[in-house]
Amino acid sequence: LKALEDDATEKYKKRKSKEILHNLSGGGEQDAVSLILDELNGAKTGASFMPHFNLADFEKDDESNGHVAFVTAASNLRALCYSIPPADAMETRRIAGRIVPAMITTTGLVSALSCLELVKLLKGLPLTSHRNAFVNLALPFFAFTAPLPPEEIS
């Protein structure tokens, strides 16, 4: 009885997925990947009602644009909420000058480590050749550990 139930469930799932694809494609013979890509592209163009924004690059050395004044005011309001001493415009410029290089360095390192793991995955290497990375660039501290296999649920 269990085998019949499983077989019936599997047939239902296959039939239902075919029906869904048939309905999505409007009855045509189109593969699932093309359907999904078409739906995603349609969602992209469907958001044309959104307003267009002009991007403004943060310039910490230009007094006329008000960027540093805004960041200083916002950070000082937050500092007051947490009883932190407020910062002046020069301190804000100093901190802002350090943030971007730190973000770029960290992003570059994480991207490179991710690409190395992706290459291992694409080569089909065993789990023992992969590594988890724990990195703190401020110390500097780099630790690599072997990942554990996934938990098996029975």
C-alpha atoms as a PDB file:
ATOM      1  CA  LEU A   1       0.000   0.000   0.000  1.00  0.00           C
ATOM      2  CA  LYS A   2       2.866   2.379   0.871  1.00  0.00           C
ATOM      3  CA  ALA A   3       4.509   1.743  -2.522  1.00  0.00           C
ATOM      4  CA  LEU A   4       1.237   2.566  -4.311  1.00  0.00           C
ATOM      5  CA  GLU A   5       0.861   5.755  -2.261  1.00  0.00           C
ATOM      6  CA  ASP A   6       4.433   6.864  -3.067  1.00  0.00           C
ATOM      7  CA  ASP A   7       3.954   6.096  -6.777  1.00  0.00           C
ATOM      8  CA  ALA A   8       0.663   8.024  -6.883  1.00  0.00           C
ATOM      9  CA  THR A   9       2.220  10.988  -5.067  1.00  0.00           C
ATOM     10  CA  GLU A  10       5.166  11.059  -7.480  1.00  0.00           C
ATOM     11  CA  LYS A  11       2.853  10.924 -10.519  1.00  0.00           C
ATOM     12  CA  TYR A  12       0.756  13.753  -9.050  1.00  0.00           C
ATOM     13  CA  LYS A  13       3.847  15.912  -8.471  1.00  0.00           C
ATOM     14  CA  LYS A  14       5.065  15.365 -12.038  1.00  0.00           C
ATOM     15  CA  ARG A  15       1.631  16.067 -13.496  1.00  0.00           C
ATOM     16  CA  LYS A  16       1.167  19.162 -11.342  1.00  0.00           C
ATOM     17  CA  SER A  17       4.583  20.605 -12.296  1.00  0.00           C
ATOM     18  CA  LYS A  18       3.796  19.991 -15.990  1.00  0.00           C
ATOM     19  CA  GLU A  19       0.443  21.737 -15.555  1.00  0.00           C
ATOM     20  CA  ILE A  20       2.097  24.728 -13.890  1.00  0.00           C
ATOM     21  CA  LEU A  21       4.697  25.031 -16.651  1.00  0.00           C
ATOM     22  CA  HIS A  22       1.979  24.603 -19.297  1.00  0.00           C
ATOM     23  CA  ASN A  23      -0.098  27.368 -17.674  1.00  0.00           C
ATOM     24  CA  LEU A  24       2.893  29.690 -17.319  1.00  0.00           C
ATOM     25  CA  SER A  25       3.922  29.226 -20.924  1.00  0.00           C
ATOM     26  CA  GLY A  26       0.396  29.854 -22.166  1.00  0.00           C
ATOM     27  CA  GLY A  27       0.222  26.352 -23.580  1.00  0.00           C
ATOM     28  CA  GLY A  28       3.455  26.570 -25.611  1.00  0.00           C
ATOM     29  CA  GLU A  29       6.421  24.239 -25.534  1.00  0.00           C
ATOM     30  CA  GLN A  30       9.000  26.282 -23.621  1.00  0.00           C
ATOM     31  CA  ASP A  31      11.580  24.957 -21.171  1.00  0.00           C
ATOM     32  CA  ALA A  32      11.461  25.854 -17.475  1.00  0.00           C
ATOM     33  CA  VAL A  33      14.650  27.956 -17.490  1.00  0.00           C
ATOM     34  CA  SER A  34      13.338  30.184 -20.278  1.00  0.00           C
ATOM     35  CA  LEU A  35      10.057  30.610 -18.424  1.00  0.00           C
ATOM     36  CA  ILE A  36      11.777  31.625 -15.217  1.00  0.00           C
ATOM     37  CA  LEU A  37      14.095  34.063 -17.006  1.00  0.00           C
ATOM     38  CA  ASP A  38      11.146  35.623 -18.809  1.00  0.00           C
ATOM     39  CA  GLU A  39       9.284  36.041 -15.508  1.00  0.00           C
ATOM     40  CA  LEU A  40      12.317  37.660 -13.860  1.00  0.00           C
ATOM     41  CA  ASN A  41      12.858  40.043 -16.785  1.00  0.00           C
ATOM     42  CA  GLY A  42       9.191  40.970 -16.657  1.00  0.00           C
ATOM     43  CA  ALA A  43       9.495  41.781 -12.966  1.00  0.00           C
ATOM     44  CA  LYS A  44      12.453  44.040 -13.746  1.00  0.00           C
ATOM     45  CA  THR A  45      10.550  46.073 -16.301  1.00  0.00           C
ATOM     46  CA  GLY A  46       7.415  46.052 -14.169  1.00  0.00           C
ATOM     47  CA  ALA A  47       9.166  48.234 -11.618  1.00  0.00           C
ATOM     48  CA  SER A  48       9.336  51.160 -14.046  1.00  0.00           C
ATOM     49  CA  PHE A  49       6.942  53.133 -11.823  1.00  0.00           C
ATOM     50  CA  MET A  50       9.786  53.612  -9.344  1.00  0.00           C
ATOM     51  CA  PRO A  51      11.230  57.137  -9.336  1.00  0.00           C
ATOM     52  CA  HIS A  52      14.668  57.599 -10.846  1.00  0.00           C
ATOM     53  CA  PHE A  53      17.266  58.755  -8.342  1.00  0.00           C
ATOM     54  CA  ASN A  54      20.407  60.707  -9.046  1.00  0.00           C
ATOM     55  CA  LEU A  55      23.451  59.213  -7.393  1.00  0.00           C
ATOM     56  CA  ALA A  56      25.690  61.505  -5.382  1.00  0.00           C
ATOM     57  CA  ASP A  57      29.224  60.453  -4.562  1.00  0.00           C
ATOM     58  CA  PHE A  58      30.258  61.118  -0.989  1.00  0.00           C
ATOM     59  CA  GLU A  59      32.980  63.763  -1.020  1.00  0.00           C
ATOM     60  CA  LYS A  60      34.471  64.378   2.397  1.00  0.00           C
ATOM     61  CA  ASP A  61      36.758  67.217   1.281  1.00  0.00           C
ATOM     62  CA  ASP A  62      34.092  69.458  -0.290  1.00  0.00           C
ATOM     63  CA  GLU A  63      32.404  71.777   2.229  1.00  0.00           C
ATOM     64  CA  SER A  64      29.816  73.113  -0.245  1.00  0.00           C
ATOM     65  CA  ASN A  65      27.877  69.854  -0.708  1.00  0.00           C
ATOM     66  CA  GLY A  66      26.954  69.382   2.977  1.00  0.00           C
ATOM     67  CA  HIS A  67      27.863  65.671   3.050  1.00  0.00           C
ATOM     68  CA  VAL A  68      30.210  65.920   6.042  1.00  0.00           C
ATOM     69  CA  ALA A  69      27.807  68.216   7.890  1.00  0.00           C
ATOM     70  CA  PHE A  70      24.959  65.729   7.447  1.00  0.00           C
ATOM     71  CA  VAL A  71      27.030  62.704   8.516  1.00  0.00           C
ATOM     72  CA  THR A  72      28.392  64.635  11.510  1.00  0.00           C
ATOM     73  CA  ALA A  73      24.900  65.688  12.597  1.00  0.00           C
ATOM     74  CA  ALA A  74      23.457  62.183  12.166  1.00  0.00           C
ATOM     75  CA  SER A  75      26.338  60.526  14.010  1.00  0.00           C
ATOM     76  CA  ASN A  76      26.154  63.057  16.843  1.00  0.00           C
ATOM     77  CA  LEU A  77      22.413  62.431  17.265  1.00  0.00           C
ATOM     78  CA  ARG A  78      23.119  58.719  17.514  1.00  0.00           C
ATOM     79  CA  ALA A  79      26.016  59.377  19.890  1.00  0.00           C
ATOM     80  CA  LEU A  80      23.689  61.323  22.196  1.00  0.00           C
ATOM     81  CA  CYS A  81      21.307  58.349  22.305  1.00  0.00           C
ATOM     82  CA  TYR A  82      24.105  56.073  23.533  1.00  0.00           C
ATOM     83  CA  SER A  83      25.997  58.554  25.746  1.00  0.00           C
ATOM     84  CA  ILE A  84      28.994  58.634  23.401  1.00  0.00           C
ATOM     85  CA  PRO A  85      30.980  61.863  23.111  1.00  0.00           C
ATOM     86  CA  PRO A  86      30.023  63.762  19.914  1.00  0.00           C
ATOM     87  CA  ALA A  87      32.516  64.188  17.065  1.00  0.00           C
ATOM     88  CA  ASP A  88      33.383  67.324  15.148  1.00  0.00           C
ATOM     89  CA  ALA A  89      33.599  67.614  11.351  1.00  0.00           C
ATOM     90  CA  MET A  90      37.355  66.874  11.295  1.00  0.00           C
ATOM     91  CA  GLU A  91      36.873  63.638  13.253  1.00  0.00           C
ATOM     92  CA  THR A  92      34.065  62.649  10.866  1.00  0.00           C
ATOM     93  CA  ARG A  93      36.372  63.262   7.870  1.00  0.00           C
ATOM     94  CA  ARG A  94      39.130  61.181   9.477  1.00  0.00           C
ATOM     95  CA  ILE A  95      36.804  58.248  10.139  1.00  0.00           C
ATOM     96  CA  ALA A  96      35.178  58.479   6.687  1.00  0.00           C
ATOM     97  CA  GLY A  97      38.622  58.445   5.055  1.00  0.00           C
ATOM     98  CA  ARG A  98      39.394  55.096   6.686  1.00  0.00           C
ATOM     99  CA  ILE A  99      36.094  53.316   6.064  1.00  0.00           C
ATOM    100  CA  VAL A 100      36.238  53.001   2.263  1.00  0.00           C
ATOM    101  CA  PRO A 101      39.770  51.498   2.059  1.00  0.00           C
ATOM    102  CA  ALA A 102      38.884  49.036   4.836  1.00  0.00           C
ATOM    103  CA  MET A 103      35.686  47.970   3.067  1.00  0.00           C
ATOM    104  CA  ILE A 104      37.473  47.526  -0.261  1.00  0.00           C
ATOM    105  CA  THR A 105      40.250  45.456   1.298  1.00  0.00           C
ATOM    106  CA  THR A 106      37.835  43.202   3.184  1.00  0.00           C
ATOM    107  CA  THR A 107      35.548  42.784   0.182  1.00  0.00           C
ATOM    108  CA  GLY A 108      38.505  41.853  -2.026  1.00  0.00           C
ATOM    109  CA  LEU A 109      39.730  39.242   0.447  1.00  0.00           C
ATOM    110  CA  VAL A 110      36.301  37.655   0.955  1.00  0.00           C
ATOM    111  CA  SER A 111      35.661  37.601  -2.815  1.00  0.00           C
ATOM    112  CA  ALA A 112      38.993  35.903  -3.486  1.00  0.00           C
ATOM    113  CA  LEU A 113      38.435  33.267  -0.802  1.00  0.00           C
ATOM    114  CA  SER A 114      34.913  32.606  -2.119  1.00  0.00           C
ATOM    115  CA  CYS A 115      36.234  32.191  -5.671  1.00  0.00           C
ATOM    116  CA  LEU A 116      38.853  29.697  -4.494  1.00  0.00           C
ATOM    117  CA  GLU A 117      36.147  27.615  -2.825  1.00  0.00           C
ATOM    118  CA  LEU A 118      33.955  27.857  -5.928  1.00  0.00           C
ATOM    119  CA  VAL A 119      36.797  26.518  -8.096  1.00  0.00           C
ATOM    120  CA  LYS A 120      37.203  23.584  -5.685  1.00  0.00           C
ATOM    121  CA  LEU A 121      33.464  22.942  -5.862  1.00  0.00           C
ATOM    122  CA  LEU A 122      33.402  23.061  -9.671  1.00  0.00           C
ATOM    123  CA  LYS A 123      36.352  20.664  -9.837  1.00  0.00           C
ATOM    124  CA  GLY A 124      34.367  18.235  -7.704  1.00  0.00           C
ATOM    125  CA  LEU A 125      37.012  18.037  -4.977  1.00  0.00           C
ATOM    126  CA  PRO A 126      36.059  16.227  -1.770  1.00  0.00           C
ATOM    127  CA  LEU A 127      34.826  18.091   1.305  1.00  0.00           C
ATOM    128  CA  THR A 128      38.204  17.603   2.996  1.00  0.00           C
ATOM    129  CA  SER A 129      39.857  19.985   0.511  1.00  0.00           C
ATOM    130  CA  HIS A 130      37.439  22.872   1.259  1.00  0.00           C
ATOM    131  CA  ARG A 131      38.084  25.409   4.030  1.00  0.00           C
ATOM    132  CA  ASN A 132      36.084  27.790   6.217  1.00  0.00           C
ATOM    133  CA  ALA A 133      37.903  31.085   6.736  1.00  0.00           C
ATOM    134  CA  PHE A 134      37.834  33.327   9.795  1.00  0.00           C
ATOM    135  CA  VAL A 135      39.530  36.648   9.087  1.00  0.00           C
ATOM    136  CA  ASN A 136      40.151  39.802  11.115  1.00  0.00           C
ATOM    137  CA  LEU A 137      42.245  42.292   9.159  1.00  0.00           C
ATOM    138  CA  ALA A 138      42.661  44.597  12.161  1.00  0.00           C
ATOM    139  CA  LEU A 139      44.719  42.080  14.155  1.00  0.00           C
ATOM    140  CA  PRO A 140      45.739  40.517  11.498  1.00  0.00           C
ATOM    141  CA  PHE A 141      44.228  37.096  12.112  1.00  0.00           C
ATOM    142  CA  PHE A 142      43.580  34.392   9.518  1.00  0.00           C
ATOM    143  CA  ALA A 143      42.245  30.970  10.523  1.00  0.00           C
ATOM    144  CA  PHE A 144      41.179  28.192   8.185  1.00  0.00           C
ATOM    145  CA  THR A 145      39.238  25.137   9.315  1.00  0.00           C
ATOM    146  CA  ALA A 146      37.879  22.071   7.565  1.00  0.00           C
ATOM    147  CA  PRO A 147      34.081  22.184   7.207  1.00  0.00           C
ATOM    148  CA  LEU A 148      31.967  19.513   8.828  1.00  0.00           C
ATOM    149  CA  PRO A 149      29.772  17.296   6.679  1.00  0.00           C
ATOM    150  CA  PRO A 150      26.052  18.172   6.700  1.00  0.00           C
ATOM    151  CA  GLU A 151      23.886  16.702   9.419  1.00  0.00           C
ATOM    152  CA  GLU A 152      22.036  13.622   8.230  1.00  0.00           C
ATOM    153  CA  ILE A 153      18.344  13.510   9.018  1.00  0.00           C
ATOM    154  CA  SER A 154      16.742  10.120   8.948  1.00  0.00           C
END
